[in-house]
C-alpha atoms as a PDB file:
ATOM      1  CA  MET A   1      -3.740 -14.318   8.430  1.00  0.00           C
ATOM      2  CA  THR A   2      -1.295 -12.190   6.521  1.00  0.00           C
ATOM      3  CA  ILE A   3       0.207 -13.919   3.372  1.00  0.00           C
ATOM      4  CA  GLU A   4       4.050 -13.598   3.699  1.00  0.00           C
ATOM      5  CA  LEU A   5       6.730 -13.350   1.279  1.00  0.00           C
ATOM      6  CA  ALA A   6       8.269 -16.659   1.256  1.00  0.00           C
ATOM      7  CA  PRO A   7      11.944 -16.575   1.473  1.00  0.00           C
ATOM      8  CA  LEU A   8      14.122 -17.824  -1.150  1.00  0.00           C
ATOM      9  CA  PRO A   9      16.057 -20.932  -0.580  1.00  0.00           C
ATOM     10  CA  TYR A  10      19.269 -19.155  -2.109  1.00  0.00           C
ATOM     11  CA  PRO A  11      20.938 -15.793  -2.191  1.00  0.00           C
ATOM     12  CA  LEU A  12      19.676 -13.482  -4.893  1.00  0.00           C
ATOM     13  CA  ASP A  13      22.670 -14.145  -6.902  1.00  0.00           C
ATOM     14  CA  GLY A  14      22.668 -17.866  -6.375  1.00  0.00           C
ATOM     15  CA  LEU A  15      21.550 -18.401  -9.969  1.00  0.00           C
ATOM     16  CA  ALA A  16      24.297 -16.414 -11.560  1.00  0.00           C
ATOM     17  CA  PRO A  17      25.419 -16.483 -14.388  1.00  0.00           C
ATOM     18  CA  HIS A  18      22.173 -17.615 -15.570  1.00  0.00           C
ATOM     19  CA  ILE A  19      20.001 -15.237 -13.989  1.00  0.00           C
ATOM     20  CA  SER A  20      21.675 -12.294 -12.527  1.00  0.00           C
ATOM     21  CA  GLU A  21      21.060 -10.977  -9.094  1.00  0.00           C
ATOM     22  CA  ARG A  22      19.486  -7.640 -10.640  1.00  0.00           C
ATOM     23  CA  THR A  23      16.972  -9.777 -12.389  1.00  0.00           C
ATOM     24  CA  MET A  24      16.275 -11.733  -9.211  1.00  0.00           C
ATOM     25  CA  SER A  25      15.727  -8.566  -7.255  1.00  0.00           C
ATOM     26  CA  PHE A  26      13.496  -7.151  -9.642  1.00  0.00           C
ATOM     27  CA  HIS A  27      11.265 -10.425 -10.222  1.00  0.00           C
ATOM     28  CA  TYR A  28      11.336 -11.546  -6.411  1.00  0.00           C
ATOM     29  CA  GLY A  29      11.761  -8.166  -4.605  1.00  0.00           C
ATOM     30  CA  ARG A  30       9.018  -6.219  -7.014  1.00  0.00           C
ATOM     31  CA  HIS A  31       6.888  -8.564  -8.849  1.00  0.00           C
ATOM     32  CA  HIS A  32       6.480 -11.430  -6.417  1.00  0.00           C
ATOM     33  CA  ALA A  33       6.251  -9.002  -3.507  1.00  0.00           C
ATOM     34  CA  GLY A  34       3.786  -7.020  -5.251  1.00  0.00           C
ATOM     35  CA  TYR A  35       1.462 -10.004  -5.691  1.00  0.00           C
ATOM     36  CA  VAL A  36       1.680 -10.964  -2.020  1.00  0.00           C
ATOM     37  CA  ALA A  37       1.140  -7.353  -1.122  1.00  0.00           C
ATOM     38  CA  SER A  38      -2.074  -7.538  -3.407  1.00  0.00           C
ATOM     39  CA  VAL A  39      -3.448 -10.415  -1.946  1.00  0.00           C
ATOM     40  CA  ASN A  40      -3.070  -9.010   1.280  1.00  0.00           C
ATOM     41  CA  SER A  41      -5.224  -5.838   0.537  1.00  0.00           C
ATOM     42  CA  THR A  42      -7.651  -7.734  -1.324  1.00  0.00           C
ATOM     43  CA  ILE A  43      -8.493 -10.079   1.291  1.00  0.00           C
ATOM     44  CA  ALA A  44      -8.726  -7.469   4.121  1.00  0.00           C
ATOM     45  CA  GLY A  45     -12.109  -7.340   5.699  1.00  0.00           C
ATOM     46  CA  THR A  46     -13.414 -10.299   3.646  1.00  0.00           C
ATOM     47  CA  ALA A  47     -14.368 -13.917   4.630  1.00  0.00           C
ATOM     48  CA  HIS A  48     -10.914 -14.843   3.135  1.00  0.00           C
ATOM     49  CA  GLU A  49      -8.827 -12.557   5.396  1.00  0.00           C
ATOM     50  CA  ASN A  50      -8.026 -15.563   7.678  1.00  0.00           C
ATOM     51  CA  ALA A  51      -7.281 -18.265   4.858  1.00  0.00           C
ATOM     52  CA  SER A  52      -4.116 -19.474   3.679  1.00  0.00           C
ATOM     53  CA  LEU A  53      -2.766 -18.823   0.187  1.00  0.00           C
ATOM     54  CA  GLU A  54      -3.431 -22.361  -0.798  1.00  0.00           C
ATOM     55  CA  ASP A  55      -7.032 -22.179   0.509  1.00  0.00           C
ATOM     56  CA  ILE A  56      -7.485 -19.015  -1.449  1.00  0.00           C
ATOM     57  CA  VAL A  57      -6.270 -20.407  -4.754  1.00  0.00           C
ATOM     58  CA  ALA A  58      -8.328 -23.485  -4.097  1.00  0.00           C
ATOM     59  CA  ALA A  59     -11.737 -21.847  -3.234  1.00  0.00           C
ATOM     60  CA  ALA A  60     -14.310 -21.685  -6.036  1.00  0.00           C
ATOM     61  CA  ASP A  61     -15.951 -18.711  -4.533  1.00  0.00           C
ATOM     62  CA  VAL A  62     -13.242 -16.077  -4.730  1.00  0.00           C
ATOM     63  CA  PRO A  63     -13.577 -13.192  -7.084  1.00  0.00           C
ATOM     64  CA  SER A  64     -11.386 -13.406 -10.153  1.00  0.00           C
ATOM     65  CA  ALA A  65      -9.197 -10.585  -9.384  1.00  0.00           C
ATOM     66  CA  LEU A  66      -8.305 -12.200  -5.961  1.00  0.00           C
ATOM     67  CA  PHE A  67      -7.857 -15.702  -7.641  1.00  0.00           C
ATOM     68  CA  ASN A  68      -5.468 -13.987 -10.251  1.00  0.00           C
ATOM     69  CA  CYS A  69      -3.133 -12.114  -7.631  1.00  0.00           C
ATOM     70  CA  SER A  70      -3.347 -15.123  -5.284  1.00  0.00           C
ATOM     71  CA  ALA A  71      -2.391 -17.765  -8.051  1.00  0.00           C
ATOM     72  CA  GLN A  72       0.564 -15.499  -8.942  1.00  0.00           C
ATOM     73  CA  ALA A  73       1.806 -15.261  -5.558  1.00  0.00           C
ATOM     74  CA  TRP A  74       1.454 -18.953  -4.865  1.00  0.00           C
ATOM     75  CA  ASN A  75       3.204 -19.541  -8.331  1.00  0.00           C
END
């Protein structure tokens, strides 16, 4: 199962003027997308490659690096 970057429930400029479109683009489009990509590359070829993101975060037997990137993507 490939973990997907969940779409935002609002446009990137939907939190303006409190959070700018540029800031949202950076955090959602780069940081969050990077966490999702990291999870996908880390689970490839492992016992977790068909697990949901929630199952990976909840699993006690995942390596700490996988837990960290999974928890960041889930958050």
